[in-house]
Amino acid sequence: MPLVTFNVPAELRDDRVAGLCDAVHDALVETASVPADDRFHVIHRHDPVNLRIDPAYLGIGRGPEAVIVEITFRMGRTEHQKRALFASIARLAKARAGLSAADVMVVLTENTSLDWSFGGGLAQYAPAPDAV
């Protein structure tokens, strides 16, 4: 169950943001064993004062359309899956949202099954606590 947060420039058109969301979701399904119906996205639009992305960090040339994608999911993906995920997001973001691969920063955060509640005050993925 990934939770994906998109930090995008305020002026990025809605159709391009939707394309980016589709690209990230499809990459997660393709590379990280995420079910197709497991889609939870939060989109934050920022004006230039509130979204500051270095235009040349690590020698990567970024433009004014640069975005930051934060993916939180349960532990268990391999290094190979993570690298494939990054590559797939970059490829699909270009095809679906017209974003340069250099303009897509991705940050992964992992946690455990006990760290998720899908509602009802329950940790649905966590093993049941021992009976007292």
C-alpha atoms as a PDB file:
ATOM      1  CA  MET A   1       0.000   0.000   0.000  1.00  0.00           C
ATOM      2  CA  PRO A   2       1.936   2.992  -1.118  1.00  0.00           C
ATOM      3  CA  LEU A   3       0.922   6.494  -0.168  1.00  0.00           C
ATOM      4  CA  VAL A   4       2.224   8.854  -2.826  1.00  0.00           C
ATOM      5  CA  THR A   5       2.606  12.592  -2.285  1.00  0.00           C
ATOM      6  CA  PHE A   6       3.199  14.776  -5.306  1.00  0.00           C
ATOM      7  CA  ASN A   7       4.817  18.182  -4.845  1.00  0.00           C
ATOM      8  CA  VAL A   8       4.331  20.029  -8.109  1.00  0.00           C
ATOM      9  CA  PRO A   9       4.611  23.603  -9.373  1.00  0.00           C
ATOM     10  CA  ALA A  10       1.274  25.427  -9.096  1.00  0.00           C
ATOM     11  CA  GLU A  11       1.293  26.245 -12.804  1.00  0.00           C
ATOM     12  CA  LEU A  12       1.709  22.632 -13.993  1.00  0.00           C
ATOM     13  CA  ARG A  13      -1.469  21.871 -15.962  1.00  0.00           C
ATOM     14  CA  ASP A  14      -4.004  19.460 -14.449  1.00  0.00           C
ATOM     15  CA  ASP A  15      -3.691  16.999 -17.341  1.00  0.00           C
ATOM     16  CA  ARG A  16       0.073  16.809 -16.843  1.00  0.00           C
ATOM     17  CA  VAL A  17      -0.319  16.263 -13.094  1.00  0.00           C
ATOM     18  CA  ALA A  18      -2.822  13.489 -13.860  1.00  0.00           C
ATOM     19  CA  GLY A  19      -0.307  11.990 -16.302  1.00  0.00           C
ATOM     20  CA  LEU A  20       2.377  12.076 -13.605  1.00  0.00           C
ATOM     21  CA  CYS A  21       0.036  10.380 -11.128  1.00  0.00           C
ATOM     22  CA  ASP A  22      -0.754   7.663 -13.682  1.00  0.00           C
ATOM     23  CA  ALA A  23       2.941   7.250 -14.472  1.00  0.00           C
ATOM     24  CA  VAL A  24       3.918   6.748 -10.837  1.00  0.00           C
ATOM     25  CA  HIS A  25       1.030   4.375 -10.160  1.00  0.00           C
ATOM     26  CA  ASP A  26       1.743   2.286 -13.247  1.00  0.00           C
ATOM     27  CA  ALA A  27       5.447   2.154 -12.367  1.00  0.00           C
ATOM     28  CA  LEU A  28       4.594   0.921  -8.861  1.00  0.00           C
ATOM     29  CA  VAL A  29       2.363  -1.803 -10.308  1.00  0.00           C
ATOM     30  CA  GLU A  30       4.981  -2.736 -12.930  1.00  0.00           C
ATOM     31  CA  THR A  31       8.043  -2.879 -10.677  1.00  0.00           C
ATOM     32  CA  ALA A  32       7.105  -3.000  -6.982  1.00  0.00           C
ATOM     33  CA  SER A  33       4.334  -5.621  -6.698  1.00  0.00           C
ATOM     34  CA  VAL A  34       1.625  -3.039  -5.979  1.00  0.00           C
ATOM     35  CA  PRO A  35      -1.951  -4.141  -6.819  1.00  0.00           C
ATOM     36  CA  ALA A  36      -3.598  -2.130  -9.600  1.00  0.00           C
ATOM     37  CA  ASP A  37      -6.456  -1.003  -7.342  1.00  0.00           C
ATOM     38  CA  ASP A  38      -4.103   0.189  -4.573  1.00  0.00           C
ATOM     39  CA  ARG A  39      -3.976   3.904  -5.360  1.00  0.00           C
ATOM     40  CA  PHE A  40      -3.704   6.615  -2.696  1.00  0.00           C
ATOM     41  CA  HIS A  41      -2.366   9.968  -3.937  1.00  0.00           C
ATOM     42  CA  VAL A  42      -2.069  13.399  -2.349  1.00  0.00           C
ATOM     43  CA  ILE A  43      -1.246  16.325  -4.620  1.00  0.00           C
ATOM     44  CA  HIS A  44       0.301  19.525  -3.301  1.00  0.00           C
ATOM     45  CA  ARG A  45       0.645  22.487  -5.638  1.00  0.00           C
ATOM     46  CA  HIS A  46       3.315  25.022  -4.713  1.00  0.00           C
ATOM     47  CA  ASP A  47       4.192  28.472  -5.958  1.00  0.00           C
ATOM     48  CA  PRO A  48       7.906  29.061  -6.705  1.00  0.00           C
ATOM     49  CA  VAL A  49       8.513  30.538  -3.249  1.00  0.00           C
ATOM     50  CA  ASN A  50       7.357  27.301  -1.582  1.00  0.00           C
ATOM     51  CA  LEU A  51       8.857  24.694  -3.919  1.00  0.00           C
ATOM     52  CA  ARG A  52      12.585  25.271  -4.079  1.00  0.00           C
ATOM     53  CA  ILE A  53      14.485  22.639  -6.006  1.00  0.00           C
ATOM     54  CA  ASP A  54      18.165  23.156  -6.718  1.00  0.00           C
ATOM     55  CA  PRO A  55      18.553  23.536 -10.491  1.00  0.00           C
ATOM     56  CA  ALA A  56      21.915  21.741 -10.680  1.00  0.00           C
ATOM     57  CA  TYR A  57      22.436  19.504  -7.605  1.00  0.00           C
ATOM     58  CA  LEU A  58      24.600  16.453  -8.461  1.00  0.00           C
ATOM     59  CA  GLY A  59      25.095  17.908 -11.940  1.00  0.00           C
ATOM     60  CA  ILE A  60      21.476  17.238 -12.910  1.00  0.00           C
ATOM     61  CA  GLY A  61      19.936  20.151 -14.807  1.00  0.00           C
ATOM     62  CA  ARG A  62      16.428  20.830 -13.514  1.00  0.00           C
ATOM     63  CA  GLY A  63      13.920  23.287 -14.906  1.00  0.00           C
ATOM     64  CA  PRO A  64      10.933  25.190 -13.525  1.00  0.00           C
ATOM     65  CA  GLU A  65       8.669  22.149 -13.960  1.00  0.00           C
ATOM     66  CA  ALA A  66      10.682  19.995 -11.529  1.00  0.00           C
ATOM     67  CA  VAL A  67       8.604  17.895  -9.130  1.00  0.00           C
ATOM     68  CA  ILE A  68       9.224  15.888  -5.963  1.00  0.00           C
ATOM     69  CA  VAL A  69       7.426  12.553  -5.590  1.00  0.00           C
ATOM     70  CA  GLU A  70       7.376  11.006  -2.106  1.00  0.00           C
ATOM     71  CA  ILE A  71       6.418   7.336  -1.856  1.00  0.00           C
ATOM     72  CA  THR A  72       5.759   5.720   1.506  1.00  0.00           C
ATOM     73  CA  PHE A  73       5.285   1.961   1.504  1.00  0.00           C
ATOM     74  CA  ARG A  74       5.875  -1.166   3.531  1.00  0.00           C
ATOM     75  CA  MET A  75       9.370  -2.638   3.715  1.00  0.00           C
ATOM     76  CA  GLY A  76      10.280  -5.508   1.460  1.00  0.00           C
ATOM     77  CA  ARG A  77      11.295  -4.150  -1.946  1.00  0.00           C
ATOM     78  CA  THR A  78      14.707  -5.169  -3.182  1.00  0.00           C
ATOM     79  CA  GLU A  79      17.400  -2.825  -4.446  1.00  0.00           C
ATOM     80  CA  HIS A  80      16.631  -4.080  -7.960  1.00  0.00           C
ATOM     81  CA  GLN A  81      12.926  -3.234  -7.580  1.00  0.00           C
ATOM     82  CA  LYS A  82      13.707   0.260  -6.282  1.00  0.00           C
ATOM     83  CA  ARG A  83      16.106   1.013  -9.121  1.00  0.00           C
ATOM     84  CA  ALA A  84      13.587  -0.334 -11.637  1.00  0.00           C
ATOM     85  CA  LEU A  85      10.894   1.822 -10.028  1.00  0.00           C
ATOM     86  CA  PHE A  86      12.983   4.986 -10.413  1.00  0.00           C
ATOM     87  CA  ALA A  87      13.710   4.190 -14.062  1.00  0.00           C
ATOM     88  CA  SER A  88      10.086   3.338 -14.815  1.00  0.00           C
ATOM     89  CA  ILE A  89       8.788   6.536 -13.187  1.00  0.00           C
ATOM     90  CA  ALA A  90      11.241   8.637 -15.212  1.00  0.00           C
ATOM     91  CA  ARG A  91      10.306   6.904 -18.470  1.00  0.00           C
ATOM     92  CA  LEU A  92       6.544   7.058 -17.885  1.00  0.00           C
ATOM     93  CA  ALA A  93       6.610  10.650 -16.580  1.00  0.00           C
ATOM     94  CA  LYS A  94       8.178  11.692 -19.882  1.00  0.00           C
ATOM     95  CA  ALA A  95       5.617   9.753 -21.926  1.00  0.00           C
ATOM     96  CA  ARG A  96       2.496  10.665 -19.905  1.00  0.00           C
ATOM     97  CA  ALA A  97       3.251  14.105 -18.463  1.00  0.00           C
ATOM     98  CA  GLY A  98       5.932  15.472 -20.768  1.00  0.00           C
ATOM     99  CA  LEU A  99       8.344  15.842 -17.848  1.00  0.00           C
ATOM    100  CA  SER A 100      12.068  15.522 -18.313  1.00  0.00           C
ATOM    101  CA  ALA A 101      13.580  12.648 -16.350  1.00  0.00           C
ATOM    102  CA  ALA A 102      15.868  15.244 -14.730  1.00  0.00           C
ATOM    103  CA  ASP A 103      12.800  17.074 -13.405  1.00  0.00           C
ATOM    104  CA  VAL A 104      11.429  14.104 -11.444  1.00  0.00           C
ATOM    105  CA  MET A 105      12.897  13.571  -7.983  1.00  0.00           C
ATOM    106  CA  VAL A 106      11.645  10.472  -6.126  1.00  0.00           C
ATOM    107  CA  VAL A 107      12.074   9.787  -2.408  1.00  0.00           C
ATOM    108  CA  LEU A 108      11.147   6.409  -0.908  1.00  0.00           C
ATOM    109  CA  THR A 109      10.249   5.885   2.750  1.00  0.00           C
ATOM    110  CA  GLU A 110       9.580   2.421   4.143  1.00  0.00           C
ATOM    111  CA  ASN A 111       7.746   1.348   7.262  1.00  0.00           C
ATOM    112  CA  THR A 112       6.115  -1.763   8.742  1.00  0.00           C
ATOM    113  CA  SER A 113       2.671  -3.333   8.477  1.00  0.00           C
ATOM    114  CA  LEU A 114       1.772  -1.995  11.910  1.00  0.00           C
ATOM    115  CA  ASP A 115       2.231   1.561  10.630  1.00  0.00           C
ATOM    116  CA  TRP A 116      -0.921   1.514   8.455  1.00  0.00           C
ATOM    117  CA  SER A 117      -4.593   1.897   9.303  1.00  0.00           C
ATOM    118  CA  PHE A 118      -7.010   2.037   6.387  1.00  0.00           C
ATOM    119  CA  GLY A 119      -9.847   3.106   8.660  1.00  0.00           C
ATOM    120  CA  GLY A 120     -11.962   1.789  11.461  1.00  0.00           C
ATOM    121  CA  GLY A 121      -9.149   2.221  13.978  1.00  0.00           C
ATOM    122  CA  LEU A 122      -7.513  -1.042  12.882  1.00  0.00           C
ATOM    123  CA  ALA A 123      -4.063  -1.973  11.593  1.00  0.00           C
ATOM    124  CA  GLN A 124      -5.397  -4.174   8.800  1.00  0.00           C
ATOM    125  CA  TYR A 125      -2.004  -5.424   7.579  1.00  0.00           C
ATOM    126  CA  ALA A 126      -0.546  -6.144  11.019  1.00  0.00           C
ATOM    127  CA  PRO A 127      -0.824  -9.516  12.734  1.00  0.00           C
ATOM    128  CA  ALA A 128      -3.448  -9.647  15.454  1.00  0.00           C
ATOM    129  CA  PRO A 129      -2.049  -8.856  18.903  1.00  0.00           C
ATOM    130  CA  ASP A 130      -1.528 -11.768  21.264  1.00  0.00           C
ATOM    131  CA  ALA A 131      -4.547 -12.569  23.427  1.00  0.00           C
ATOM    132  CA  VAL A 132      -4.221 -11.272  26.931  1.00  0.00           C
END
